[in-house]
């Protein structure tokens, strides 16, 4: 397998994924400089997520219409422009709008990168390619907080965004030189009404859940907005059933393997999505660590994710998608639940070992489920699969953070006490159970699902899904 293509795509995605979390530890410093409060500035985090939700559905149509390579390079340029505007922002409105522009660029990067991988990689090499592409989404959120804390402490928060420029310039140049040229396809006219409904649905749900979990606004606004998003989603489903070429085709879920990969992966992501939110908070509020110290500890899971890169192809070849996903789902949930046992007296070595193992199984699961999305679909359906998978991922991540934050707030409300270690224990057990429930979707798969991709030797007595 030519590793140049997935590595170039992975570097660009690492920049986007890290940037989505890097400002978390820098909010107080940014708020002081632009004369606002850290709570109000959380609207910038929400604006980024909403922008992703709005523009992801159209990304695959754009790639088919104008060419994946061209759209990917333009997306990096949009992201860099947003980064510069973030660095020079002088007010809350400026900063929120700049983050929204960044999100528009980021929304095009991830789905289009997957589309390039799927269309330029043989199916029997897709696991290795996806392993490289999965890394940024796992490592970026973990190293974002310590990097942001370090830059803010020893330099200036402006550099959090300016360091994107050399990375982005290199990404545009390398993509132009090394990415395969994928011709623009003859596409149907854009489903404009569907795009509007999907945008309202996804942004409403993501914004609503973000407001509930990061209360920069009254939580009731988040609840009402999320319900509005769900109503728009219902209208979109009715629209899509009457539309010949909907922007997101719900008929894709008639494929049992695709359905399990998307819904099982989303359920797992809901649980694991809460961990980068809960763990630094527990280390800071419960253990008394600084943001930088807590960030260094959480980075241990990235080591496990890197180790998985070398194990995923052989593991899937040996066990097949069904077995690997079920085992990774169970073990991943166990190690998330193990976070509930941490106390300030727990040896650092034990915490690191637990986080490394957790990162390994989480990464193995996502590499496997992200690959399974494309394992048994026609190449012509790759654009639809990419957009649907990316949309559900954003919603499930927002839902995961909302679950984690909601459990903590609920614990504090019912006990009448400030959030303490017992609250975090309850939260980790809850999200571990959510993660474990993902196994239900894969238990129904045939043992031979995706064998052409995994290389697992088929059991002749078992049927295959279609």
Foldseek 3Di string as FASTA:
>chain_A
DPQLLLLLLQLLLLLLQLLLAQCVQVLCVLCVQLVHHSLLLCLLSLLLLLLLQQQLLCLLVCCQAPNLLVLQLVLLVQLLQLLLQCLPDNHSVSNSVSSSSNSPSSSNSLLSSVLLLVVVDDLQCSLLSLLSNLLSNQQSLLLSQLVSVVCVVPPNNSVSSVVSVVSSVVSSVSSVVDRDTDDRHDDDPAPVVLSVLSSQLLSLLLSLLSCLLSVSDPNVSSVVSNVRSVVSVVVSVVVLVVDPDHSAHPCLCVFLLLVLLQVLVLLLLLLVLQCSVLQLCCCCVAQVDDSNVSSVLLSLLSLLSVVLSVVQLVVCQAQNLLVLLLVLLLQLLVLLLVVLVDHNPPDSVVSSVSSSSNSNSVNSNNSSSVSSNSLPDDSVCSSSSSSSSSSSSSSSSSNSSSLLSVQQVVVCVVVVHHRYSNSSSVSSNVSSVSSNVSSVSSVPAWSCRSCSNSNHDDDVVIDHTD
